[in-house]
């Protein structure tokens, strides 16, 4: 019998893809992360293993001066010290998001992967909690400049590489005690294949945050919205308003199929009754935040 064909993303070079410089240029559900591509890069024009902590600390004036050269809109409220925050109005929302995610308070001695890090908010927070953090993303130029600046300004030891979520392998990255995959899965053309790849590098826990589908009926059925992936959706406009949203049942079954031994749904979309009614009136499912923790066998206790 022929070997199964693993679905792949487009092999078109990065230069042939939509060049969306700012969040305002993207359709609503693409204003966070571009997830596909294969080009590797180092951080800050140097080997990614070189810690920024070896450099002299920034002064307040240096931080403010370089901050002015970057895009003013930041996705996350990153504390740069000296009372400077990249998005102060978002601090309450992100504090709630951190609480909902359920990231362990003590990560000392743990190797952690932040998938789709974007500007690095969660990576820096997990580093603050004691983790050895590695990040991957398919940054555009503007987003990478923000991440790299925050990394240098905070003298962070976070390391990383520009990498497609579906291209992760133990040979390339090793394995991780904890993986955070927040706001990424619903961008992908092949979400189940991505979860299978993630399982190969996870030896502890995966914290998965994605868009949960809220239909009028059949909400407990494992189903997912059609989504062709960011590249094609942005090129054609076919993204249906909720990207690759899935019911909690689909996410749990997909994680089990990918090889995780135990799953816990820790947060489902809020106001589900109203969203179900809205789905009936609008004749289309609604969406909201869905968070699932998945464990491999040695951590399933």
C-alpha atoms as a PDB file:
ATOM      1  CA  UNK A   1       0.000   0.000   0.000  1.00  0.00           C
ATOM      2  CA  UNK A   2       1.325   3.421  -0.878  1.00  0.00           C
ATOM      3  CA  UNK A   3       2.536   5.625   1.946  1.00  0.00           C
ATOM      4  CA  UNK A   4       0.023   8.325   2.980  1.00  0.00           C
ATOM      5  CA  UNK A   5       0.622  11.734   1.476  1.00  0.00           C
ATOM      6  CA  UNK A   6       1.145  14.401   4.109  1.00  0.00           C
ATOM      7  CA  UNK A   7      -0.583  17.629   3.058  1.00  0.00           C
ATOM      8  CA  UNK A   8       1.768  20.549   2.622  1.00  0.00           C
ATOM      9  CA  UNK A   9       1.440  24.284   2.315  1.00  0.00           C
ATOM     10  CA  UNK A  10       2.277  26.229  -0.814  1.00  0.00           C
ATOM     11  CA  UNK A  11       5.954  26.208  -1.671  1.00  0.00           C
ATOM     12  CA  UNK A  12       5.789  29.667  -3.201  1.00  0.00           C
ATOM     13  CA  UNK A  13       8.608  31.850  -1.911  1.00  0.00           C
ATOM     14  CA  UNK A  14       7.861  34.487   0.679  1.00  0.00           C
ATOM     15  CA  UNK A  15       8.247  37.265  -1.902  1.00  0.00           C
ATOM     16  CA  UNK A  16       5.264  35.871  -3.856  1.00  0.00           C
ATOM     17  CA  UNK A  17       2.933  36.090  -0.902  1.00  0.00           C
ATOM     18  CA  UNK A  18       0.761  39.035   0.131  1.00  0.00           C
ATOM     19  CA  UNK A  19       2.956  41.775   1.557  1.00  0.00           C
ATOM     20  CA  UNK A  20       0.738  43.114   4.322  1.00  0.00           C
ATOM     21  CA  UNK A  21       2.799  45.582   6.296  1.00  0.00           C
ATOM     22  CA  UNK A  22       0.291  46.590   8.948  1.00  0.00           C
ATOM     23  CA  UNK A  23      -2.582  44.982  10.795  1.00  0.00           C
ATOM     24  CA  UNK A  24      -4.989  47.387   9.095  1.00  0.00           C
ATOM     25  CA  UNK A  25      -4.175  45.781   5.719  1.00  0.00           C
ATOM     26  CA  UNK A  26      -5.426  42.359   6.842  1.00  0.00           C
ATOM     27  CA  UNK A  27      -8.937  40.913   6.922  1.00  0.00           C
ATOM     28  CA  UNK A  28     -10.348  40.931  10.490  1.00  0.00           C
ATOM     29  CA  UNK A  29      -9.287  37.463  11.589  1.00  0.00           C
ATOM     30  CA  UNK A  30      -5.755  37.823  10.170  1.00  0.00           C
ATOM     31  CA  UNK A  31      -4.704  40.709  12.358  1.00  0.00           C
ATOM     32  CA  UNK A  32      -2.464  38.589  14.554  1.00  0.00           C
ATOM     33  CA  UNK A  33      -0.221  36.055  12.872  1.00  0.00           C
ATOM     34  CA  UNK A  34       0.889  34.952   9.455  1.00  0.00           C
ATOM     35  CA  UNK A  35       1.621  31.287   9.962  1.00  0.00           C
ATOM     36  CA  UNK A  36       2.935  29.761   6.748  1.00  0.00           C
ATOM     37  CA  UNK A  37       6.333  29.661   5.043  1.00  0.00           C
ATOM     38  CA  UNK A  38       9.672  27.968   5.510  1.00  0.00           C
ATOM     39  CA  UNK A  39      12.447  30.543   5.555  1.00  0.00           C
ATOM     40  CA  UNK A  40      14.655  30.304   8.625  1.00  0.00           C
ATOM     41  CA  UNK A  41      16.210  33.405  10.092  1.00  0.00           C
ATOM     42  CA  UNK A  42      18.259  34.438  13.065  1.00  0.00           C
ATOM     43  CA  UNK A  43      17.187  37.088  15.518  1.00  0.00           C
ATOM     44  CA  UNK A  44      18.582  40.590  15.437  1.00  0.00           C
ATOM     45  CA  UNK A  45      20.897  39.723  12.534  1.00  0.00           C
ATOM     46  CA  UNK A  46      22.914  37.382  14.742  1.00  0.00           C
ATOM     47  CA  UNK A  47      22.988  33.767  15.705  1.00  0.00           C
ATOM     48  CA  UNK A  48      19.771  33.037  17.608  1.00  0.00           C
ATOM     49  CA  UNK A  49      21.723  31.409  20.409  1.00  0.00           C
ATOM     50  CA  UNK A  50      23.428  34.684  21.375  1.00  0.00           C
ATOM     51  CA  UNK A  51      21.702  36.151  24.460  1.00  0.00           C
ATOM     52  CA  UNK A  52      20.908  39.848  24.430  1.00  0.00           C
ATOM     53  CA  UNK A  53      21.707  39.917  28.156  1.00  0.00           C
ATOM     54  CA  UNK A  54      25.372  40.112  27.142  1.00  0.00           C
ATOM     55  CA  UNK A  55      24.762  43.647  25.842  1.00  0.00           C
ATOM     56  CA  UNK A  56      24.686  46.855  27.878  1.00  0.00           C
ATOM     57  CA  UNK A  57      21.170  47.650  29.180  1.00  0.00           C
ATOM     58  CA  UNK A  58      19.084  50.221  27.342  1.00  0.00           C
ATOM     59  CA  UNK A  59      18.406  53.621  28.874  1.00  0.00           C
ATOM     60  CA  UNK A  60      14.914  55.114  28.974  1.00  0.00           C
ATOM     61  CA  UNK A  61      15.905  57.565  26.250  1.00  0.00           C
ATOM     62  CA  UNK A  62      17.193  54.773  24.008  1.00  0.00           C
ATOM     63  CA  UNK A  63      13.981  52.778  24.427  1.00  0.00           C
ATOM     64  CA  UNK A  64      11.765  55.776  23.660  1.00  0.00           C
ATOM     65  CA  UNK A  65      13.932  56.788  20.725  1.00  0.00           C
ATOM     66  CA  UNK A  66      13.871  53.386  19.025  1.00  0.00           C
ATOM     67  CA  UNK A  67      10.203  52.873  19.858  1.00  0.00           C
ATOM     68  CA  UNK A  68       9.372  55.909  17.714  1.00  0.00           C
ATOM     69  CA  UNK A  69      10.961  54.256  14.672  1.00  0.00           C
ATOM     70  CA  UNK A  70       8.605  51.239  14.814  1.00  0.00           C
ATOM     71  CA  UNK A  71       4.960  50.862  13.861  1.00  0.00           C
ATOM     72  CA  UNK A  72       2.908  52.601  16.592  1.00  0.00           C
ATOM     73  CA  UNK A  73       0.312  49.788  16.744  1.00  0.00           C
ATOM     74  CA  UNK A  74       1.400  46.864  18.924  1.00  0.00           C
ATOM     75  CA  UNK A  75      -0.613  43.708  19.321  1.00  0.00           C
ATOM     76  CA  UNK A  76       0.409  43.176  22.951  1.00  0.00           C
ATOM     77  CA  UNK A  77       1.154  45.282  26.057  1.00  0.00           C
ATOM     78  CA  UNK A  78       4.850  44.515  26.611  1.00  0.00           C
ATOM     79  CA  UNK A  79       6.540  46.054  29.657  1.00  0.00           C
ATOM     80  CA  UNK A  80       9.846  47.570  28.510  1.00  0.00           C
ATOM     81  CA  UNK A  81      10.803  48.986  31.906  1.00  0.00           C
ATOM     82  CA  UNK A  82      10.999  52.638  33.020  1.00  0.00           C
ATOM     83  CA  UNK A  83       7.188  52.730  33.044  1.00  0.00           C
ATOM     84  CA  UNK A  84       7.054  52.180  29.277  1.00  0.00           C
ATOM     85  CA  UNK A  85       4.457  49.794  27.870  1.00  0.00           C
ATOM     86  CA  UNK A  86       3.902  49.116  24.180  1.00  0.00           C
ATOM     87  CA  UNK A  87       0.081  48.972  24.438  1.00  0.00           C
ATOM     88  CA  UNK A  88      -1.021  50.180  27.885  1.00  0.00           C
ATOM     89  CA  UNK A  89      -4.735  50.133  27.040  1.00  0.00           C
ATOM     90  CA  UNK A  90      -4.578  46.382  26.439  1.00  0.00           C
ATOM     91  CA  UNK A  91      -3.077  45.442  29.806  1.00  0.00           C
ATOM     92  CA  UNK A  92      -6.370  44.448  31.431  1.00  0.00           C
ATOM     93  CA  UNK A  93      -7.421  42.296  28.491  1.00  0.00           C
ATOM     94  CA  UNK A  94      -4.099  40.488  28.340  1.00  0.00           C
ATOM     95  CA  UNK A  95      -4.038  39.976  32.102  1.00  0.00           C
ATOM     96  CA  UNK A  96      -7.400  38.207  31.765  1.00  0.00           C
ATOM     97  CA  UNK A  97      -6.090  36.216  28.814  1.00  0.00           C
ATOM     98  CA  UNK A  98      -3.067  35.075  30.823  1.00  0.00           C
ATOM     99  CA  UNK A  99      -5.344  33.940  33.638  1.00  0.00           C
ATOM    100  CA  UNK A 100      -7.601  32.006  31.259  1.00  0.00           C
ATOM    101  CA  UNK A 101      -4.684  30.272  29.544  1.00  0.00           C
ATOM    102  CA  UNK A 102      -3.623  28.674  32.817  1.00  0.00           C
ATOM    103  CA  UNK A 103       0.120  28.836  32.191  1.00  0.00           C
ATOM    104  CA  UNK A 104       1.877  27.434  35.292  1.00  0.00           C
ATOM    105  CA  UNK A 105       3.193  30.148  37.609  1.00  0.00           C
ATOM    106  CA  UNK A 106       6.523  28.374  38.106  1.00  0.00           C
ATOM    107  CA  UNK A 107       8.323  27.297  34.933  1.00  0.00           C
ATOM    108  CA  UNK A 108      11.805  26.947  36.377  1.00  0.00           C
ATOM    109  CA  UNK A 109      13.799  24.194  34.703  1.00  0.00           C
ATOM    110  CA  UNK A 110      11.273  23.822  31.882  1.00  0.00           C
ATOM    111  CA  UNK A 111      11.962  24.142  28.166  1.00  0.00           C
ATOM    112  CA  UNK A 112       9.048  25.999  26.577  1.00  0.00           C
ATOM    113  CA  UNK A 113       8.001  26.706  22.977  1.00  0.00           C
ATOM    114  CA  UNK A 114       5.839  29.691  22.045  1.00  0.00           C
ATOM    115  CA  UNK A 115       4.328  29.014  18.625  1.00  0.00           C
ATOM    116  CA  UNK A 116       3.231  32.107  16.731  1.00  0.00           C
ATOM    117  CA  UNK A 117       4.882  34.442  19.222  1.00  0.00           C
ATOM    118  CA  UNK A 118       4.363  37.592  17.084  1.00  0.00           C
ATOM    119  CA  UNK A 119       5.660  40.434  19.267  1.00  0.00           C
ATOM    120  CA  UNK A 120       6.721  38.074  22.067  1.00  0.00           C
ATOM    121  CA  UNK A 121       4.326  38.947  24.903  1.00  0.00           C
ATOM    122  CA  UNK A 122       3.772  35.373  26.112  1.00  0.00           C
ATOM    123  CA  UNK A 123       7.374  34.353  25.482  1.00  0.00           C
ATOM    124  CA  UNK A 124       8.679  37.149  27.706  1.00  0.00           C
ATOM    125  CA  UNK A 125       6.113  36.341  30.389  1.00  0.00           C
ATOM    126  CA  UNK A 126       7.073  32.660  30.416  1.00  0.00           C
ATOM    127  CA  UNK A 127      10.730  33.641  30.568  1.00  0.00           C
ATOM    128  CA  UNK A 128       9.892  35.821  33.583  1.00  0.00           C
ATOM    129  CA  UNK A 129       8.378  32.728  35.202  1.00  0.00           C
ATOM    130  CA  UNK A 130      11.689  30.900  34.845  1.00  0.00           C
ATOM    131  CA  UNK A 131      11.409  29.019  31.539  1.00  0.00           C
ATOM    132  CA  UNK A 132      14.019  28.498  28.851  1.00  0.00           C
ATOM    133  CA  UNK A 133      11.945  29.829  25.937  1.00  0.00           C
ATOM    134  CA  UNK A 134      12.195  29.209  22.213  1.00  0.00           C
ATOM    135  CA  UNK A 135       9.840  30.907  19.747  1.00  0.00           C
ATOM    136  CA  UNK A 136       8.730  30.397  16.168  1.00  0.00           C
ATOM    137  CA  UNK A 137       6.594  32.536  13.875  1.00  0.00           C
ATOM    138  CA  UNK A 138       6.283  33.634  10.266  1.00  0.00           C
ATOM    139  CA  UNK A 139       6.799  37.308  11.085  1.00  0.00           C
ATOM    140  CA  UNK A 140       6.385  39.993   8.472  1.00  0.00           C
ATOM    141  CA  UNK A 141       9.103  42.639   8.584  1.00  0.00           C
ATOM    142  CA  UNK A 142       7.227  45.086  10.820  1.00  0.00           C
ATOM    143  CA  UNK A 143       6.230  42.451  13.376  1.00  0.00           C
ATOM    144  CA  UNK A 144       9.720  41.007  13.560  1.00  0.00           C
ATOM    145  CA  UNK A 145      11.179  44.471  14.145  1.00  0.00           C
ATOM    146  CA  UNK A 146       8.823  44.923  17.103  1.00  0.00           C
ATOM    147  CA  UNK A 147       9.677  41.518  18.545  1.00  0.00           C
ATOM    148  CA  UNK A 148      13.410  42.009  18.068  1.00  0.00           C
ATOM    149  CA  UNK A 149      13.314  45.460  19.654  1.00  0.00           C
ATOM    150  CA  UNK A 150      11.379  44.204  22.701  1.00  0.00           C
ATOM    151  CA  UNK A 151      13.812  41.304  23.038  1.00  0.00           C
ATOM    152  CA  UNK A 152      16.802  43.635  23.064  1.00  0.00           C
ATOM    153  CA  UNK A 153      15.184  46.261  25.286  1.00  0.00           C
ATOM    154  CA  UNK A 154      14.267  43.616  27.880  1.00  0.00           C
ATOM    155  CA  UNK A 155      17.688  41.921  27.581  1.00  0.00           C
ATOM    156  CA  UNK A 156      15.787  38.706  27.000  1.00  0.00           C
ATOM    157  CA  UNK A 157      17.425  35.319  26.478  1.00  0.00           C
ATOM    158  CA  UNK A 158      14.518  34.099  24.334  1.00  0.00           C
ATOM    159  CA  UNK A 159      15.765  32.308  21.226  1.00  0.00           C
ATOM    160  CA  UNK A 160      13.883  31.599  18.040  1.00  0.00           C
ATOM    161  CA  UNK A 161      13.554  30.883  14.368  1.00  0.00           C
ATOM    162  CA  UNK A 162      11.270  31.821  11.506  1.00  0.00           C
ATOM    163  CA  UNK A 163       9.407  28.591  10.920  1.00  0.00           C
ATOM    164  CA  UNK A 164       6.091  27.186   9.739  1.00  0.00           C
ATOM    165  CA  UNK A 165       4.082  25.577  12.530  1.00  0.00           C
ATOM    166  CA  UNK A 166       3.700  22.411  10.469  1.00  0.00           C
ATOM    167  CA  UNK A 167       7.449  22.110   9.891  1.00  0.00           C
ATOM    168  CA  UNK A 168       8.417  21.496  13.526  1.00  0.00           C
ATOM    169  CA  UNK A 169      10.298  18.236  14.156  1.00  0.00           C
ATOM    170  CA  UNK A 170      12.253  16.769  17.079  1.00  0.00           C
ATOM    171  CA  UNK A 171      15.356  16.716  14.862  1.00  0.00           C
ATOM    172  CA  UNK A 172      15.081  20.437  14.221  1.00  0.00           C
ATOM    173  CA  UNK A 173      13.907  21.706  17.602  1.00  0.00           C
ATOM    174  CA  UNK A 174      14.177  18.913  20.128  1.00  0.00           C
ATOM    175  CA  UNK A 175      11.299  18.417  22.572  1.00  0.00           C
ATOM    176  CA  UNK A 176       9.590  20.742  25.017  1.00  0.00           C
ATOM    177  CA  UNK A 177       8.058  20.376  28.467  1.00  0.00           C
ATOM    178  CA  UNK A 178       5.395  22.960  27.626  1.00  0.00           C
ATOM    179  CA  UNK A 179       4.147  24.291  24.303  1.00  0.00           C
ATOM    180  CA  UNK A 180       1.937  27.352  23.971  1.00  0.00           C
ATOM    181  CA  UNK A 181      -0.002  27.591  20.719  1.00  0.00           C
ATOM    182  CA  UNK A 182      -2.192  30.681  21.099  1.00  0.00           C
ATOM    183  CA  UNK A 183      -4.114  32.339  18.288  1.00  0.00           C
ATOM    184  CA  UNK A 184      -2.519  30.203  15.592  1.00  0.00           C
ATOM    185  CA  UNK A 185      -4.432  27.023  14.768  1.00  0.00           C
ATOM    186  CA  UNK A 186      -7.354  28.772  13.048  1.00  0.00           C
ATOM    187  CA  UNK A 187      -4.929  30.365  10.553  1.00  0.00           C
ATOM    188  CA  UNK A 188      -3.746  27.040   9.170  1.00  0.00           C
ATOM    189  CA  UNK A 189      -4.683  25.150   6.015  1.00  0.00           C
ATOM    190  CA  UNK A 190      -4.011  21.767   7.649  1.00  0.00           C
ATOM    191  CA  UNK A 191      -4.706  22.104  11.390  1.00  0.00           C
ATOM    192  CA  UNK A 192      -4.766  18.354  12.128  1.00  0.00           C
ATOM    193  CA  UNK A 193      -1.400  17.867  10.405  1.00  0.00           C
ATOM    194  CA  UNK A 194      -0.034  20.748  12.473  1.00  0.00           C
ATOM    195  CA  UNK A 195      -1.271  19.115  15.709  1.00  0.00           C
ATOM    196  CA  UNK A 196       0.401  15.865  14.679  1.00  0.00           C
ATOM    197  CA  UNK A 197       3.678  17.725  14.148  1.00  0.00           C
ATOM    198  CA  UNK A 198       3.323  19.490  17.499  1.00  0.00           C
ATOM    199  CA  UNK A 199       2.800  16.172  19.268  1.00  0.00           C
ATOM    200  CA  UNK A 200       6.214  14.936  18.068  1.00  0.00           C
ATOM    201  CA  UNK A 201       7.982  17.770  19.923  1.00  0.00           C
ATOM    202  CA  UNK A 202       5.831  17.784  23.068  1.00  0.00           C
ATOM    203  CA  UNK A 203       6.843  15.684  26.065  1.00  0.00           C
ATOM    204  CA  UNK A 204       4.574  17.335  28.612  1.00  0.00           C
ATOM    205  CA  UNK A 205       1.700  19.734  28.017  1.00  0.00           C
ATOM    206  CA  UNK A 206       0.247  21.689  25.111  1.00  0.00           C
ATOM    207  CA  UNK A 207      -1.797  24.793  25.889  1.00  0.00           C
ATOM    208  CA  UNK A 208      -3.927  25.435  22.823  1.00  0.00           C
ATOM    209  CA  UNK A 209      -5.942  28.605  22.368  1.00  0.00           C
ATOM    210  CA  UNK A 210      -7.993  28.934  19.208  1.00  0.00           C
ATOM    211  CA  UNK A 211     -11.318  30.177  17.862  1.00  0.00           C
ATOM    212  CA  UNK A 212     -14.146  27.987  19.075  1.00  0.00           C
ATOM    213  CA  UNK A 213     -17.143  27.576  16.787  1.00  0.00           C
ATOM    214  CA  UNK A 214     -20.579  28.308  18.291  1.00  0.00           C
ATOM    215  CA  UNK A 215     -23.295  27.014  15.939  1.00  0.00           C
ATOM    216  CA  UNK A 216     -27.023  27.211  16.647  1.00  0.00           C
ATOM    217  CA  UNK A 217     -27.256  23.409  16.931  1.00  0.00           C
ATOM    218  CA  UNK A 218     -24.835  20.460  16.941  1.00  0.00           C
ATOM    219  CA  UNK A 219     -22.356  22.337  19.124  1.00  0.00           C
ATOM    220  CA  UNK A 220     -21.161  19.062  20.654  1.00  0.00           C
ATOM    221  CA  UNK A 221     -20.428  17.522  17.278  1.00  0.00           C
ATOM    222  CA  UNK A 222     -16.754  17.475  16.164  1.00  0.00           C
ATOM    223  CA  UNK A 223     -16.751  19.883  13.210  1.00  0.00           C
ATOM    224  CA  UNK A 224     -14.554  22.615  11.837  1.00  0.00           C
ATOM    225  CA  UNK A 225     -15.148  25.468   9.387  1.00  0.00           C
ATOM    226  CA  UNK A 226     -13.577  25.249   5.943  1.00  0.00           C
ATOM    227  CA  UNK A 227     -10.519  27.472   5.768  1.00  0.00           C
ATOM    228  CA  UNK A 228      -7.882  27.416   3.001  1.00  0.00           C
ATOM    229  CA  UNK A 229      -5.094  28.945   5.088  1.00  0.00           C
ATOM    230  CA  UNK A 230      -3.955  32.544   5.370  1.00  0.00           C
ATOM    231  CA  UNK A 231      -2.197  32.738   2.005  1.00  0.00           C
ATOM    232  CA  UNK A 232      -5.164  31.723  -0.120  1.00  0.00           C
ATOM    233  CA  UNK A 233      -7.775  33.366   2.107  1.00  0.00           C
ATOM    234  CA  UNK A 234      -6.061  36.753   1.948  1.00  0.00           C
ATOM    235  CA  UNK A 235      -5.577  36.431  -1.786  1.00  0.00           C
ATOM    236  CA  UNK A 236      -9.167  35.417  -2.545  1.00  0.00           C
ATOM    237  CA  UNK A 237     -11.172  36.869   0.362  1.00  0.00           C
ATOM    238  CA  UNK A 238     -12.608  33.432   1.247  1.00  0.00           C
ATOM    239  CA  UNK A 239     -12.338  33.316   5.008  1.00  0.00           C
ATOM    240  CA  UNK A 240     -15.989  33.205   6.086  1.00  0.00           C
ATOM    241  CA  UNK A 241     -15.575  35.503   9.070  1.00  0.00           C
ATOM    242  CA  UNK A 242     -14.439  32.872  11.598  1.00  0.00           C
ATOM    243  CA  UNK A 243     -11.378  31.440   9.843  1.00  0.00           C
ATOM    244  CA  UNK A 244     -10.729  27.817  10.835  1.00  0.00           C
ATOM    245  CA  UNK A 245     -12.985  27.863  13.888  1.00  0.00           C
ATOM    246  CA  UNK A 246     -13.811  24.473  15.376  1.00  0.00           C
ATOM    247  CA  UNK A 247     -16.135  23.125  18.016  1.00  0.00           C
ATOM    248  CA  UNK A 248     -14.562  22.050  21.292  1.00  0.00           C
ATOM    249  CA  UNK A 249     -15.450  18.468  20.379  1.00  0.00           C
ATOM    250  CA  UNK A 250     -13.419  18.704  17.158  1.00  0.00           C
ATOM    251  CA  UNK A 251     -10.410  20.139  18.974  1.00  0.00           C
ATOM    252  CA  UNK A 252     -10.467  17.383  21.603  1.00  0.00           C
ATOM    253  CA  UNK A 253     -10.887  14.620  19.016  1.00  0.00           C
ATOM    254  CA  UNK A 254      -8.149  16.119  16.825  1.00  0.00           C
ATOM    255  CA  UNK A 255      -5.745  16.265  19.768  1.00  0.00           C
ATOM    256  CA  UNK A 256      -6.485  12.634  20.653  1.00  0.00           C
ATOM    257  CA  UNK A 257      -5.999  11.630  17.023  1.00  0.00           C
ATOM    258  CA  UNK A 258      -2.674  13.497  16.993  1.00  0.00           C
ATOM    259  CA  UNK A 259      -1.473  11.357  19.899  1.00  0.00           C
ATOM    260  CA  UNK A 260      -2.204  13.296  23.083  1.00  0.00           C
ATOM    261  CA  UNK A 261      -3.439  11.005  25.828  1.00  0.00           C
ATOM    262  CA  UNK A 262      -5.590  13.392  27.835  1.00  0.00           C
ATOM    263  CA  UNK A 263      -7.377  16.676  27.093  1.00  0.00           C
ATOM    264  CA  UNK A 264      -9.021  19.243  29.342  1.00  0.00           C
ATOM    265  CA  UNK A 265     -11.258  21.993  28.004  1.00  0.00           C
ATOM    266  CA  UNK A 266     -10.437  24.837  30.399  1.00  0.00           C
ATOM    267  CA  UNK A 267     -12.369  27.653  28.711  1.00  0.00           C
ATOM    268  CA  UNK A 268     -15.153  27.788  26.140  1.00  0.00           C
ATOM    269  CA  UNK A 269     -16.538  30.813  24.265  1.00  0.00           C
ATOM    270  CA  UNK A 270     -18.435  33.179  26.547  1.00  0.00           C
ATOM    271  CA  UNK A 271     -22.078  34.203  26.053  1.00  0.00           C
ATOM    272  CA  UNK A 272     -22.723  30.948  24.210  1.00  0.00           C
ATOM    273  CA  UNK A 273     -26.539  31.207  24.457  1.00  0.00           C
ATOM    274  CA  UNK A 274     -26.552  34.623  22.805  1.00  0.00           C
ATOM    275  CA  UNK A 275     -24.068  33.462  20.177  1.00  0.00           C
ATOM    276  CA  UNK A 276     -26.234  30.450  19.387  1.00  0.00           C
ATOM    277  CA  UNK A 277     -29.203  32.764  18.877  1.00  0.00           C
ATOM    278  CA  UNK A 278     -27.055  35.052  16.734  1.00  0.00           C
ATOM    279  CA  UNK A 279     -26.009  32.026  14.681  1.00  0.00           C
ATOM    280  CA  UNK A 280     -29.702  31.233  14.095  1.00  0.00           C
ATOM    281  CA  UNK A 281     -30.578  34.801  13.075  1.00  0.00           C
ATOM    282  CA  UNK A 282     -27.501  35.290  10.875  1.00  0.00           C
ATOM    283  CA  UNK A 283     -27.557  31.756   9.489  1.00  0.00           C
ATOM    284  CA  UNK A 284     -23.856  31.244  10.251  1.00  0.00           C
ATOM    285  CA  UNK A 285     -21.902  29.987  13.266  1.00  0.00           C
ATOM    286  CA  UNK A 286     -20.367  32.463  15.687  1.00  0.00           C
ATOM    287  CA  UNK A 287     -16.970  32.251  17.371  1.00  0.00           C
ATOM    288  CA  UNK A 288     -15.176  32.866  20.642  1.00  0.00           C
ATOM    289  CA  UNK A 289     -12.112  31.948  22.659  1.00  0.00           C
ATOM    290  CA  UNK A 290     -11.519  28.236  23.239  1.00  0.00           C
ATOM    291  CA  UNK A 291      -8.670  26.922  25.419  1.00  0.00           C
ATOM    292  CA  UNK A 292      -7.724  23.260  25.727  1.00  0.00           C
ATOM    293  CA  UNK A 293      -4.832  21.688  27.655  1.00  0.00           C
ATOM    294  CA  UNK A 294      -3.513  18.453  26.133  1.00  0.00           C
ATOM    295  CA  UNK A 295      -1.094  16.061  27.826  1.00  0.00           C
ATOM    296  CA  UNK A 296       1.214  13.307  26.653  1.00  0.00           C
ATOM    297  CA  UNK A 297       1.294  10.021  28.526  1.00  0.00           C
ATOM    298  CA  UNK A 298       4.123  10.745  30.978  1.00  0.00           C
ATOM    299  CA  UNK A 299       2.382  13.945  32.145  1.00  0.00           C
ATOM    300  CA  UNK A 300      -1.155  12.557  32.263  1.00  0.00           C
ATOM    301  CA  UNK A 301      -1.836  12.314  35.936  1.00  0.00           C
END
